[in-house]
Protein backbone atom coordinates (compact mmCIF):
# COMPACT_ATOMS: atom_id res chain seq x y z
CA MET A 1 84.78 133.24 39.95
CA ARG A 2 81.33 133.19 41.47
CA GLU A 3 79.72 130.41 39.44
CA MET A 4 79.95 128.33 36.28
CA ARG A 5 76.89 127.49 34.17
CA ILE A 6 76.52 124.86 31.47
CA VAL A 7 73.78 125.93 29.05
CA SER A 8 72.27 124.02 26.13
CA ARG A 9 71.50 126.21 23.10
CA ASN A 10 70.85 125.23 19.48
CA GLY A 11 71.92 121.63 20.10
CA CYS A 12 75.28 122.69 21.60
CA PHE A 13 76.55 123.11 25.12
CA TYR A 14 78.04 126.42 26.24
CA VAL A 15 79.96 127.15 29.41
CA GLU A 16 79.36 130.53 31.05
CA TRP A 17 81.61 131.86 33.79
CA VAL A 18 80.13 134.45 36.12
CA TYR A 19 82.49 136.61 38.12
CA GLN A 20 82.48 139.95 39.87
CA LEU A 21 84.83 142.79 39.03
CA GLU A 22 85.95 145.51 41.35
CA THR A 23 84.78 148.87 40.05
CA GLU A 24 87.40 151.54 39.67
CA HIS A 25 86.34 155.07 40.54
CA ILE A 26 87.83 157.67 38.22
CA GLN A 27 88.08 161.31 39.20
CA LEU A 28 86.92 163.48 36.31
CA ASP A 29 87.81 167.13 35.96
CA GLN A 30 84.44 168.76 35.26
CA ASP A 31 86.16 171.96 34.04
CA LYS A 32 87.62 170.25 30.94
CA VAL A 33 85.04 169.64 28.20
CA LEU A 34 85.18 168.34 24.61
CA GLY A 35 82.18 168.85 22.32
CA ILE A 36 81.91 166.59 19.27
CA ASP A 37 79.60 167.19 16.30
CA HIS A 38 79.45 164.61 13.51
CA GLY A 39 78.59 165.48 9.96
CA LEU A 40 79.01 164.22 6.41
CA ASN A 41 81.91 166.04 4.75
CA ASN A 42 83.49 166.98 8.07
CA TRP A 43 83.23 163.64 9.85
CA LEU A 44 83.95 165.07 13.30
CA THR A 45 84.18 168.67 14.44
CA CYS A 46 85.61 168.89 17.95
CA VAL A 47 85.75 171.94 20.19
CA SER A 48 87.46 172.01 23.57
CA ASN A 49 87.59 174.61 26.31
CA VAL A 50 91.20 173.59 27.13
CA GLU A 51 92.96 173.48 23.75
CA THR A 52 92.17 174.49 20.19
CA GLY A 53 89.42 172.70 18.29
CA PHE A 54 90.04 170.36 15.38
CA ILE A 55 88.18 168.89 12.41
CA VAL A 56 88.45 165.28 11.19
CA ASP A 57 87.94 165.29 7.41
CA GLY A 58 85.36 162.75 6.32
CA LYS A 59 85.52 163.18 2.54
CA ARG A 60 87.98 160.30 2.09
CA LEU A 61 85.94 158.02 4.34
CA LYS A 62 82.74 158.99 2.52
CA SER A 63 84.42 158.27 -0.83
CA LEU A 64 85.60 154.82 0.33
CA ASN A 65 82.10 154.02 1.58
CA GLN A 66 80.54 155.00 -1.74
CA TRP A 67 83.09 152.87 -3.65
CA TYR A 68 82.37 149.90 -1.37
CA ASN A 69 78.61 150.24 -1.89
CA LYS A 70 79.14 150.34 -5.69
CA GLN A 71 81.21 147.15 -5.55
CA ILE A 72 78.52 145.39 -3.52
CA ALA A 73 75.85 146.55 -5.98
CA LYS A 74 77.88 145.13 -8.90
CA ILE A 75 78.25 141.77 -7.14
CA LYS A 76 74.54 141.58 -6.30
CA GLU A 77 73.39 142.69 -9.78
CA GLY A 78 71.01 140.17 -11.32
CA LYS A 79 70.96 137.92 -8.24
CA PRO A 80 67.95 137.30 -5.98
């Protein structure tokens, strides 16, 4: 730990600890690449130069999001 600060914010006291982390150097293989394209119905389309590509279907997620938004709209209906 390098230092400890006591800070007053919004009528409360907060303690902040400041410390330094050792950085870890990672060796990346620049010959292996994954390209990711996001969309609506196909949430993620991934293509790799090492293995076969794959698609993450987003229709179920999109449907859940639409249902959630409808529920929120019903709750907020008629309220300021």
